[in-house]
Protein backbone atom coordinates (compact mmCIF):
# COMPACT_ATOMS: atom_id res chain seq x y z
CA UNK A 1 -7.06 -27.94 11.12
CA UNK A 2 -8.18 -24.83 12.99
CA UNK A 3 -10.25 -22.62 10.74
CA UNK A 4 -13.11 -20.15 10.59
CA UNK A 5 -16.14 -19.82 8.35
CA UNK A 6 -18.76 -17.05 8.02
CA UNK A 7 -21.88 -17.51 10.12
CA UNK A 8 -24.25 -15.99 7.56
CA UNK A 9 -22.30 -16.01 4.25
CA UNK A 10 -23.25 -12.38 3.71
CA UNK A 11 -21.53 -12.11 0.33
CA UNK A 12 -22.60 -15.38 -1.26
CA UNK A 13 -21.21 -18.88 -1.63
CA UNK A 14 -17.64 -19.97 -1.06
CA UNK A 15 -15.22 -18.26 -1.27
CA UNK A 16 -17.09 -14.95 -1.70
CA UNK A 17 -17.87 -14.79 2.02
CA UNK A 18 -14.36 -15.79 3.04
CA UNK A 19 -12.57 -18.48 5.01
CA UNK A 20 -9.74 -18.09 7.53
CA UNK A 21 -7.43 -21.09 7.91
CA UNK A 22 -5.53 -20.37 11.11
CA UNK A 23 -3.63 -23.65 10.94
CA UNK A 24 -3.61 -26.68 8.67
CA UNK A 25 -1.20 -29.55 9.21
CA UNK A 26 -0.68 -33.26 8.70
CA UNK A 27 -0.43 -35.22 11.91
CA UNK A 28 0.93 -38.65 10.98
CA UNK A 29 4.47 -38.91 12.36
CA UNK A 30 5.22 -41.59 9.75
CA UNK A 31 4.21 -39.32 6.88
CA UNK A 32 7.72 -38.45 5.76
CA UNK A 33 6.67 -37.31 2.33
CA UNK A 34 7.61 -34.40 0.08
CA UNK A 35 5.95 -32.77 -2.88
CA UNK A 36 7.26 -33.41 -6.38
CA UNK A 37 9.28 -30.19 -5.89
CA UNK A 38 10.97 -31.56 -2.78
CA UNK A 39 9.01 -29.53 -0.21
CA UNK A 40 8.39 -31.41 3.07
CA UNK A 41 4.70 -31.98 3.85
CA UNK A 42 4.93 -33.97 7.05
CA UNK A 43 4.46 -33.15 10.72
CA UNK A 44 7.23 -30.55 10.58
CA UNK A 45 5.00 -28.31 8.44
CA UNK A 46 1.97 -26.11 9.17
CA UNK A 47 0.24 -23.54 6.99
CA UNK A 48 -2.16 -20.59 7.17
CA UNK A 49 -4.39 -19.23 4.40
CA UNK A 50 -7.20 -16.80 3.65
CA UNK A 51 -9.76 -17.81 1.03
CA UNK A 52 -11.59 -15.01 -0.76
CA UNK A 53 -12.83 -14.39 -4.28
CA UNK A 54 -15.79 -13.78 -6.55
CA UNK A 55 -16.48 -17.49 -7.12
CA UNK A 56 -14.98 -20.97 -6.86
CA UNK A 57 -12.73 -20.45 -9.88
CA UNK A 58 -11.37 -17.08 -8.73
CA UNK A 59 -9.92 -17.55 -5.27
CA UNK A 60 -7.11 -15.30 -4.05
CA UNK A 61 -5.73 -17.80 -1.55
CA UNK A 62 -2.35 -18.05 -3.27
CA UNK A 63 -1.65 -14.46 -2.23
CA UNK A 64 -2.19 -15.30 1.43
CA UNK A 65 -0.81 -18.83 1.78
CA UNK A 66 2.18 -19.19 4.11
CA UNK A 67 3.97 -22.09 5.76
CA UNK A 68 6.20 -22.63 8.76
CA UNK A 69 8.56 -25.57 9.01
CA UNK A 70 10.51 -26.88 11.96
CA UNK A 71 14.10 -28.02 11.60
CA UNK A 72 16.56 -30.33 13.33
CA UNK A 73 14.14 -33.25 13.38
CA UNK A 74 11.52 -31.42 15.45
CA UNK A 75 7.84 -31.81 14.58
CA UNK A 76 4.57 -30.15 15.50
CA UNK A 77 3.47 -33.49 16.96
CA UNK A 78 6.13 -33.41 19.69
CA UNK A 79 4.31 -30.98 21.96
CA UNK A 80 1.49 -28.46 22.15
CA UNK A 81 1.85 -25.35 19.98
CA UNK A 82 0.03 -22.04 20.01
CA UNK A 83 -1.82 -21.11 16.80
CA UNK A 84 -3.53 -17.74 16.76
CA UNK A 85 -5.12 -15.09 14.58
CA UNK A 86 -5.31 -11.35 15.25
CA UNK A 87 -8.19 -9.86 13.30
CA UNK A 88 -9.03 -6.16 13.27
CA UNK A 89 -10.75 -3.59 11.05
CA UNK A 90 -7.44 -3.10 9.22
CA UNK A 91 -5.61 -6.42 9.05
CA UNK A 92 -5.52 -10.17 9.65
CA UNK A 93 -2.38 -11.70 11.14
CA UNK A 94 -1.64 -15.35 11.91
CA UNK A 95 0.92 -16.60 14.42
CA UNK A 96 2.62 -19.88 15.31
CA UNK A 97 3.99 -19.90 18.85
CA UNK A 98 3.72 -16.09 18.87
CA UNK A 99 5.79 -15.76 15.68
CA UNK A 100 3.87 -13.90 12.98
CA UNK A 101 3.61 -15.98 9.81
CA UNK A 102 0.93 -14.08 7.87
CA UNK A 103 0.11 -10.37 7.71
CA UNK A 104 -2.59 -9.15 5.31
CA UNK A 105 -3.40 -5.42 5.34
CA UNK A 106 -5.51 -4.42 2.33
CA UNK A 107 -5.59 -0.76 1.33
CA UNK A 108 -8.78 1.14 0.54
CA UNK A 109 -9.25 -1.03 -2.55
CA UNK A 110 -9.91 -3.93 -0.20
CA UNK A 111 -9.54 -7.59 -0.97
CA UNK A 112 -10.88 -7.04 -4.48
CA UNK A 113 -7.83 -4.98 -5.36
CA UNK A 114 -5.53 -7.14 -3.23
CA UNK A 115 -6.62 -10.23 -5.15
CA UNK A 116 -6.29 -8.42 -8.51
CA UNK A 117 -9.77 -9.61 -9.49
CA UNK A 118 -10.49 -6.47 -11.51
CA UNK A 119 -8.42 -8.00 -14.30
CA UNK A 120 -11.12 -10.62 -14.90
CA UNK A 121 -14.02 -8.26 -15.68
CA UNK A 122 -16.23 -9.60 -12.89
CA UNK A 123 -18.67 -8.01 -10.47
CA UNK A 124 -17.14 -7.20 -7.09
CA UNK A 125 -19.32 -8.87 -4.41
CA UNK A 126 -17.84 -6.52 -1.77
CA UNK A 127 -18.29 -3.24 -3.69
CA UNK A 128 -20.65 -1.78 -1.06
CA UNK A 129 -18.75 -3.13 1.95
CA UNK A 130 -15.67 -2.19 3.96
CA UNK A 131 -12.11 -2.73 2.79
CA UNK A 132 -11.92 -5.86 4.97
CA UNK A 133 -14.85 -7.56 3.23
CA UNK A 134 -15.50 -10.44 3.20
CA UNK A 135 -13.70 -10.50 6.55
CA UNK A 136 -15.98 -7.90 8.13
CA UNK A 137 -18.70 -10.21 9.38
CA UNK A 138 -19.23 -12.80 12.09
CA UNK A 139 -17.27 -16.05 11.74
CA UNK A 140 -17.26 -19.23 13.83
CA UNK A 141 -14.37 -21.52 14.78
CA UNK A 142 -13.94 -25.10 13.51
CA UNK A 143 -11.48 -27.70 14.77
CA UNK A 144 -11.43 -30.84 12.66
CA UNK A 145 -9.50 -33.92 11.69
CA UNK A 146 -9.72 -35.14 8.07
CA UNK A 147 -8.39 -38.30 6.43
CA UNK A 148 -7.74 -39.40 2.87
CA UNK A 149 -8.61 -37.34 -0.16
CA UNK A 150 -6.49 -35.49 -2.68
CA UNK A 151 -6.18 -31.86 -1.59
CA UNK A 152 -3.50 -32.41 1.05
CA UNK A 153 -1.98 -35.68 -0.12
CA UNK A 154 -1.57 -35.50 -3.88
CA UNK A 155 -0.76 -38.60 -5.92
CA UNK A 156 2.53 -36.98 -6.97
CA UNK A 157 3.87 -36.82 -3.40
CA UNK A 158 7.09 -38.74 -2.82
CA UNK A 159 7.68 -40.87 0.27
CA UNK A 160 8.99 -44.11 1.76
CA UNK A 161 6.00 -46.12 0.53
CA UNK A 162 3.50 -45.69 -2.31
CA UNK A 163 0.30 -43.87 -1.47
CA UNK A 164 -2.21 -46.71 -0.86
CA UNK A 165 -5.00 -45.06 -2.85
CA UNK A 166 -5.24 -42.85 -5.89
CA UNK A 167 -7.32 -39.81 -6.64
CA UNK A 168 -10.33 -38.96 -4.54
CA UNK A 169 -11.78 -42.49 -4.62
CA UNK A 170 -13.21 -42.88 -1.12
CA UNK A 171 -13.76 -46.61 -1.52
CA UNK A 172 -10.13 -47.12 -2.55
CA UNK A 173 -9.04 -45.26 0.58
CA UNK A 174 -11.11 -47.54 2.79
CA UNK A 175 -10.02 -50.71 0.98
CA UNK A 176 -6.42 -49.73 1.70
CA UNK A 177 -7.08 -49.39 5.44
CA UNK A 178 -4.71 -52.22 6.37
CA UNK A 179 -1.88 -50.28 4.73
CA UNK A 180 -2.40 -46.79 6.18
CA UNK A 181 -4.10 -47.44 9.52
CA UNK A 182 -1.06 -49.06 11.20
CA UNK A 183 1.08 -46.02 10.32
CA UNK A 184 -0.91 -44.04 12.90
CA UNK A 185 0.37 -46.33 15.70
CA UNK A 186 -3.19 -46.69 17.03
CA UNK A 187 -2.31 -49.35 19.59
CA UNK A 188 0.64 -47.57 21.18
CA UNK A 189 0.26 -45.49 24.34
CA UNK A 190 -3.49 -46.25 24.42
CA UNK A 191 -3.90 -44.49 21.09
CA UNK A 192 -2.65 -41.18 22.46
CA UNK A 193 0.08 -40.95 19.82
CA UNK A 194 -2.61 -40.85 17.13
CA UNK A 195 -4.90 -38.38 18.89
CA UNK A 196 -5.70 -34.80 17.94
CA UNK A 197 -5.01 -33.10 21.26
CA UNK A 198 -6.30 -29.64 22.17
CA UNK A 199 -5.16 -27.88 25.31
CA UNK A 200 -7.40 -24.81 25.12
CA UNK A 201 -9.28 -22.42 22.84
CA UNK A 202 -9.43 -18.75 23.83
CA UNK A 203 -11.11 -15.77 22.17
CA UNK A 204 -10.59 -12.10 23.06
CA UNK A 205 -12.48 -9.08 21.80
CA UNK A 206 -9.90 -6.40 20.95
CA UNK A 207 -12.33 -3.48 21.10
CA UNK A 208 -15.25 -2.84 23.47
């Protein structure tokens, strides 16, 4: 994943201070799975999301979650790809290989109105801030590789072999190592086929 988190969490705990997921993807080329609804979730799929809300239970991410899928047997593991975010005082846009996949431009009601949180009779944590709050503060970039868990590999996913662990049981995941570890082809090409490879990271300031 390539994502961004607030440096100072100016508006409180997650997700009140925001999160920008520039790119999230699954990297195992043998992970030819789909959701229960038939949606592919393998290496031909990447997603972008903004997380924002008054508290953990009220997160507007569903309004900003998008996905891009490759066709004709191509995958995001075949070559390098360019994932980017353009972030200004008026909008946040995400791109995959220069193709815009997400465009969020809140009006003067800001992300509170955009997320329709006023329906829940809660206090707006951004009521004294700009329309881009919580995305009007300093963020830092994270690049990470995660394994196991439930959030991105649900028990209901359908694939060529049963998921070798259930739920979020970390010990079950490790006990099943002999089943999932070989699917990463760790001994082929000196392990390069299983590596998270990064060509470059660049940041530009749009305004002086």
